[in-house]
Amino acid sequence: MIEPGVMIILGLVAFAAGFIDAVAGGGGMLTVPALLSLGLPPHIALGTNKLAATFASSTAAWTYYRKQLFSPAFWRASFLATLCGAIGGTLVVDLISTDWLEKVLPLIILAVAIYTVWHPQPKGKEHKLPEKCRQLTKKQWLQGSTLGFYDGLAGPGTGAFWTVSNMALYRLDILMASGLAKAMNFTSNMTSLITFAVLGHINFALGLTMGLCLMLGAYIGAHSAIRFGAKFIRPVFVTVVIVLAIKLAWQAWF
């Protein structure tokens, strides 16, 4: 049983993560360390996080879609590639030992945080979709399968990676890149969630509680991102992530 005070803290972390994920991506870098800090086995922490994250990504994706910042038909190949990648990544998680995951996850989280600090925020040039061609389809399959696999395997920072790569590969502006990122994030989250559920790696009580808080944060965050942009959240986001990653790495390695 988890104490009420701990549940309140988890709820606040989830709300902040949902807000951050909808604005800049990477909310999982808050929720995964928070779940691991409770002493949950890494497999259960990742599966529970997927349940909670699906609430947030669905809310954010729907908000961007309603604002006409995402076209599902245009990105069909990305959907299929992300789905396949996410299934593969989640199945690999089940084959990895718990001890190995406990040591590697903090390093992944810390590496993503450092990447976020040092990588400049790219600026898309055009507020329109790229032209359809064979090269575009190849990019969609490579990007979707790679990031889908990573999201199924670990997850933290996937939204941020999607947003950055969308602007770099397709020259989308920040809002259209974020809209695509949220839709693909929802695809991999839902796919991994189903796989984790089949494998029995989910704490449903924790996942549903955090999921509701994530959904509220994502709703507010998506509307704020569309109105103000993502730059204002970045310093706080990076600071919190680095502190949590260092804490988990210390626990796992020392």
Protein backbone atom coordinates (compact mmCIF):
# COMPACT_ATOMS: atom_id res chain seq x y z
CA MET A 1 0.00 0.00 0.00
CA ILE A 2 1.22 3.48 -0.87
CA GLU A 3 0.71 6.28 1.66
CA PRO A 4 -1.70 9.11 0.69
CA GLY A 5 1.12 11.68 0.88
CA VAL A 6 3.18 9.71 -1.62
CA MET A 7 0.18 9.42 -3.95
CA ILE A 8 -0.31 13.19 -3.82
CA ILE A 9 3.35 13.74 -4.73
CA LEU A 10 3.05 11.24 -7.59
CA GLY A 11 -0.06 13.04 -8.80
CA LEU A 12 1.75 16.39 -8.83
CA VAL A 13 4.72 14.85 -10.66
CA ALA A 14 2.33 13.32 -13.19
CA PHE A 15 0.55 16.65 -13.72
CA ALA A 16 3.90 18.40 -14.32
CA ALA A 17 5.01 15.58 -16.63
CA GLY A 18 1.79 15.77 -18.66
CA PHE A 19 2.20 19.53 -19.03
CA ILE A 20 5.88 19.24 -20.02
CA ASP A 21 5.24 16.36 -22.41
CA ALA A 22 2.54 18.30 -24.26
CA VAL A 23 4.73 21.40 -24.49
CA ALA A 24 8.23 20.11 -25.19
CA GLY A 25 8.15 16.30 -24.95
CA GLY A 26 9.99 14.13 -22.45
CA GLY A 27 7.49 13.92 -19.60
CA GLY A 28 8.49 10.29 -19.10
CA MET A 29 11.81 11.52 -17.72
CA LEU A 30 9.84 12.63 -14.66
CA THR A 31 7.34 9.79 -14.28
CA VAL A 32 9.73 6.84 -14.82
CA PRO A 33 12.22 7.99 -12.15
CA ALA A 34 9.30 8.76 -9.81
CA LEU A 35 7.96 5.21 -10.19
CA LEU A 36 11.42 3.68 -9.82
CA SER A 37 11.97 5.69 -6.63
CA LEU A 38 9.03 3.80 -5.07
CA GLY A 39 11.02 0.61 -5.37
CA LEU A 40 9.00 -0.85 -8.25
CA PRO A 41 10.85 -3.35 -10.46
CA PRO A 42 11.93 -1.66 -13.75
CA HIS A 43 9.58 -3.83 -15.85
CA ILE A 44 6.59 -2.81 -13.70
CA ALA A 45 7.70 0.85 -13.63
CA LEU A 46 7.93 0.98 -17.42
CA GLY A 47 4.60 -0.79 -17.91
CA THR A 48 2.81 1.41 -15.35
CA ASN A 49 4.33 4.51 -16.96
CA LYS A 50 2.98 3.42 -20.35
CA LEU A 51 -0.53 3.18 -18.90
CA ALA A 52 -0.28 6.68 -17.44
CA ALA A 53 1.47 8.14 -20.50
CA THR A 54 -1.26 6.89 -22.83
CA PHE A 55 -3.72 9.23 -21.10
CA ALA A 56 -1.45 12.23 -21.69
CA SER A 57 -0.45 11.44 -25.27
CA SER A 58 -4.06 10.80 -26.34
CA THR A 59 -5.19 14.12 -24.84
CA ALA A 60 -2.34 16.08 -26.42
CA ALA A 61 -2.70 14.34 -29.80
CA TRP A 62 -6.44 15.06 -29.92
CA THR A 63 -5.86 18.73 -29.03
CA TYR A 64 -3.30 19.20 -31.82
CA TYR A 65 -5.57 17.34 -34.26
CA ARG A 66 -8.52 19.59 -33.47
CA LYS A 67 -6.31 22.63 -34.10
CA GLN A 68 -5.53 21.16 -37.57
CA LEU A 69 -1.84 20.75 -36.70
CA PHE A 70 -1.75 17.06 -37.60
CA SER A 71 -2.96 15.12 -40.68
CA PRO A 72 -3.34 11.36 -39.94
CA ALA A 73 -3.65 10.29 -43.60
CA PHE A 74 -0.37 11.96 -44.59
CA TRP A 75 1.62 10.12 -41.90
CA ARG A 76 0.23 6.61 -42.45
CA ALA A 77 3.71 5.08 -42.95
CA SER A 78 4.90 6.68 -39.69
CA PHE A 79 1.97 5.06 -37.83
CA LEU A 80 2.80 1.58 -39.15
CA ALA A 81 6.55 1.93 -38.53
CA THR A 82 6.02 3.24 -35.00
CA LEU A 83 3.61 0.41 -34.17
CA CYS A 84 6.08 -2.26 -35.36
CA GLY A 85 8.99 -0.64 -33.56
CA ALA A 86 7.07 -0.31 -30.29
CA ILE A 87 6.09 -3.99 -30.29
CA GLY A 88 9.71 -5.01 -30.85
CA GLY A 89 11.04 -2.70 -28.14
CA THR A 90 8.52 -3.87 -25.55
CA LEU A 91 9.25 -7.54 -26.23
CA VAL A 92 12.97 -6.87 -25.80
CA VAL A 93 12.26 -5.31 -22.37
CA ASP A 94 10.74 -8.59 -21.23
CA LEU A 95 13.96 -10.43 -22.18
CA ILE A 96 16.26 -8.06 -20.25
CA SER A 97 17.18 -8.85 -16.65
CA THR A 98 15.91 -6.58 -13.86
CA ASP A 99 19.42 -5.91 -12.53
CA TRP A 100 20.60 -4.77 -15.95
CA LEU A 101 17.58 -2.49 -16.40
CA GLU A 102 18.11 -0.90 -12.96
CA LYS A 103 21.61 0.14 -13.97
CA VAL A 104 20.91 1.18 -17.57
CA LEU A 105 17.67 3.20 -17.16
CA PRO A 106 19.24 6.03 -15.10
CA LEU A 107 22.00 6.33 -17.71
CA ILE A 108 19.44 6.58 -20.52
CA ILE A 109 17.49 9.24 -18.63
CA LEU A 110 20.64 11.22 -17.86
CA ALA A 111 21.88 10.96 -21.47
CA VAL A 112 18.56 12.28 -22.79
CA ALA A 113 18.67 15.15 -20.30
CA ILE A 114 22.21 16.10 -21.38
CA TYR A 115 21.14 15.90 -25.02
CA THR A 116 18.24 18.24 -24.28
CA VAL A 117 20.58 20.74 -22.60
CA TRP A 118 23.21 20.87 -25.35
CA HIS A 119 21.13 20.37 -28.49
CA PRO A 120 19.91 23.72 -29.87
CA GLN A 121 16.17 24.11 -30.39
CA PRO A 122 15.72 23.81 -34.18
CA LYS A 123 13.39 26.12 -36.04
CA GLY A 124 11.16 24.79 -38.77
CA LYS A 125 11.04 26.88 -41.93
CA GLU A 126 7.55 26.22 -43.21
CA HIS A 127 4.08 25.79 -41.75
CA LYS A 128 3.08 23.17 -44.30
CA LEU A 129 3.54 19.47 -45.03
CA PRO A 130 6.47 18.22 -47.15
CA GLU A 131 5.86 16.85 -50.65
CA LYS A 132 5.06 13.14 -50.87
CA CYS A 133 7.83 11.08 -52.47
CA ARG A 134 9.69 7.78 -52.04
CA GLN A 135 12.38 9.48 -49.94
CA LEU A 136 9.72 10.79 -47.54
CA THR A 137 8.33 7.28 -47.04
CA LYS A 138 11.82 5.94 -46.28
CA LYS A 139 12.33 8.69 -43.70
CA GLN A 140 8.99 7.86 -42.07
CA TRP A 141 9.80 4.16 -41.78
CA LEU A 142 13.30 4.74 -40.43
CA GLN A 143 12.19 7.40 -37.95
CA GLY A 144 9.04 5.58 -36.83
CA SER A 145 10.65 2.16 -36.32
CA THR A 146 13.65 3.61 -34.47
CA LEU A 147 11.73 5.89 -32.11
CA GLY A 148 8.92 3.35 -31.69
CA PHE A 149 11.49 0.73 -30.65
CA TYR A 150 13.09 3.16 -28.19
CA ASP A 151 9.71 4.09 -26.71
CA GLY A 152 8.83 0.42 -26.23
CA LEU A 153 12.26 -0.34 -24.75
CA ALA A 154 12.66 2.67 -22.42
CA GLY A 155 10.50 5.68 -23.29
CA PRO A 156 11.90 8.77 -21.51
CA GLY A 157 12.48 11.65 -23.93
CA THR A 158 10.66 10.05 -26.88
CA GLY A 159 8.39 13.06 -27.40
CA ALA A 160 11.35 15.43 -27.46
CA PHE A 161 13.19 13.19 -29.95
CA TRP A 162 10.12 13.11 -32.18
CA THR A 163 9.76 16.88 -32.17
CA VAL A 164 13.44 17.54 -32.91
CA SER A 165 13.66 14.92 -35.67
CA ASN A 166 10.38 16.09 -37.26
CA MET A 167 11.76 19.60 -37.70
CA ALA A 168 15.12 18.29 -38.94
CA LEU A 169 13.74 15.71 -41.40
CA TYR A 170 10.63 17.45 -42.71
CA ARG A 171 11.34 21.15 -42.03
CA LEU A 172 8.12 21.47 -40.02
CA ASP A 173 7.61 24.38 -37.66
CA ILE A 174 7.46 23.76 -33.90
CA LEU A 175 3.67 23.37 -33.69
CA MET A 176 3.28 20.94 -36.60
CA ALA A 177 6.33 18.99 -35.39
CA SER A 178 4.77 18.78 -31.91
CA GLY A 179 1.42 17.67 -33.33
CA LEU A 180 3.07 14.81 -35.23
CA ALA A 181 5.18 13.94 -32.18
CA LYS A 182 2.15 13.61 -29.92
CA ALA A 183 0.26 11.42 -32.40
CA MET A 184 3.23 9.07 -32.86
CA ASN A 185 3.89 9.07 -29.11
CA PHE A 186 0.29 7.96 -28.55
CA THR A 187 0.72 5.18 -31.14
CA SER A 188 3.82 3.74 -29.46
CA ASN A 189 2.37 4.24 -25.97
CA MET A 190 -0.82 2.37 -26.80
CA THR A 191 1.05 -0.42 -28.59
CA SER A 192 3.51 -0.87 -25.72
CA LEU A 193 0.68 -0.64 -23.17
CA ILE A 194 -1.16 -3.57 -24.76
CA THR A 195 2.06 -5.61 -24.90
CA PHE A 196 2.95 -4.79 -21.26
CA ALA A 197 -0.60 -5.71 -20.18
CA VAL A 198 -0.36 -9.09 -21.90
CA LEU A 199 2.97 -9.68 -20.14
CA GLY A 200 1.50 -8.63 -16.75
CA HIS A 201 3.90 -5.73 -16.16
CA ILE A 202 1.43 -3.03 -15.03
CA ASN A 203 0.36 -1.66 -11.63
CA PHE A 204 -3.12 -0.50 -12.66
CA ALA A 205 -3.93 1.45 -9.48
CA LEU A 206 -0.83 3.61 -9.83
CA GLY A 207 -1.10 3.87 -13.60
CA LEU A 208 -4.72 5.04 -13.60
CA THR A 209 -4.15 7.55 -10.80
CA MET A 210 -1.14 9.08 -12.50
CA GLY A 211 -2.88 8.86 -15.86
CA LEU A 212 -5.70 11.15 -14.79
CA CYS A 213 -3.20 13.74 -13.53
CA LEU A 214 -1.16 13.40 -16.71
CA MET A 215 -4.29 13.94 -18.79
CA LEU A 216 -5.10 17.19 -16.98
CA GLY A 217 -1.51 18.40 -17.33
CA ALA A 218 -1.44 17.45 -21.03
CA TYR A 219 -4.67 19.33 -21.72
CA ILE A 220 -3.35 22.53 -20.16
CA GLY A 221 0.12 22.03 -21.64
CA ALA A 222 -1.08 21.47 -25.21
CA HIS A 223 -3.18 24.64 -25.15
CA SER A 224 -0.29 26.58 -23.59
CA ALA A 225 2.15 25.28 -26.21
CA ILE A 226 -0.12 26.29 -29.06
CA ARG A 227 -0.47 29.75 -27.55
CA PHE A 228 3.00 30.51 -26.08
CA GLY A 229 5.56 27.97 -27.41
CA ALA A 230 7.91 25.66 -25.51
CA LYS A 231 10.89 27.78 -24.51
CA PHE A 232 9.57 28.88 -21.12
CA ILE A 233 9.39 25.33 -19.73
CA ARG A 234 12.84 24.10 -20.84
CA PRO A 235 15.08 25.32 -17.95
CA VAL A 236 12.84 23.85 -15.22
CA PHE A 237 12.33 20.65 -17.20
CA VAL A 238 16.07 20.03 -17.70
CA THR A 239 16.97 20.85 -14.09
CA VAL A 240 14.43 18.46 -12.57
CA VAL A 241 15.34 15.66 -14.97
CA ILE A 242 19.07 15.90 -14.28
CA VAL A 243 18.52 15.86 -10.50
CA LEU A 244 16.25 12.79 -10.69
CA ALA A 245 18.57 10.96 -13.08
CA ILE A 246 21.62 11.54 -10.88
CA LYS A 247 19.66 10.37 -7.83
CA LEU A 248 18.60 7.13 -9.54
CA ALA A 249 22.09 6.53 -10.94
CA TRP A 250 23.56 6.94 -7.46
CA GLN A 251 21.07 4.44 -6.02
CA ALA A 252 21.67 1.90 -8.77
CA TRP A 253 25.45 2.11 -9.02
CA PHE A 254 26.71 3.18 -5.60
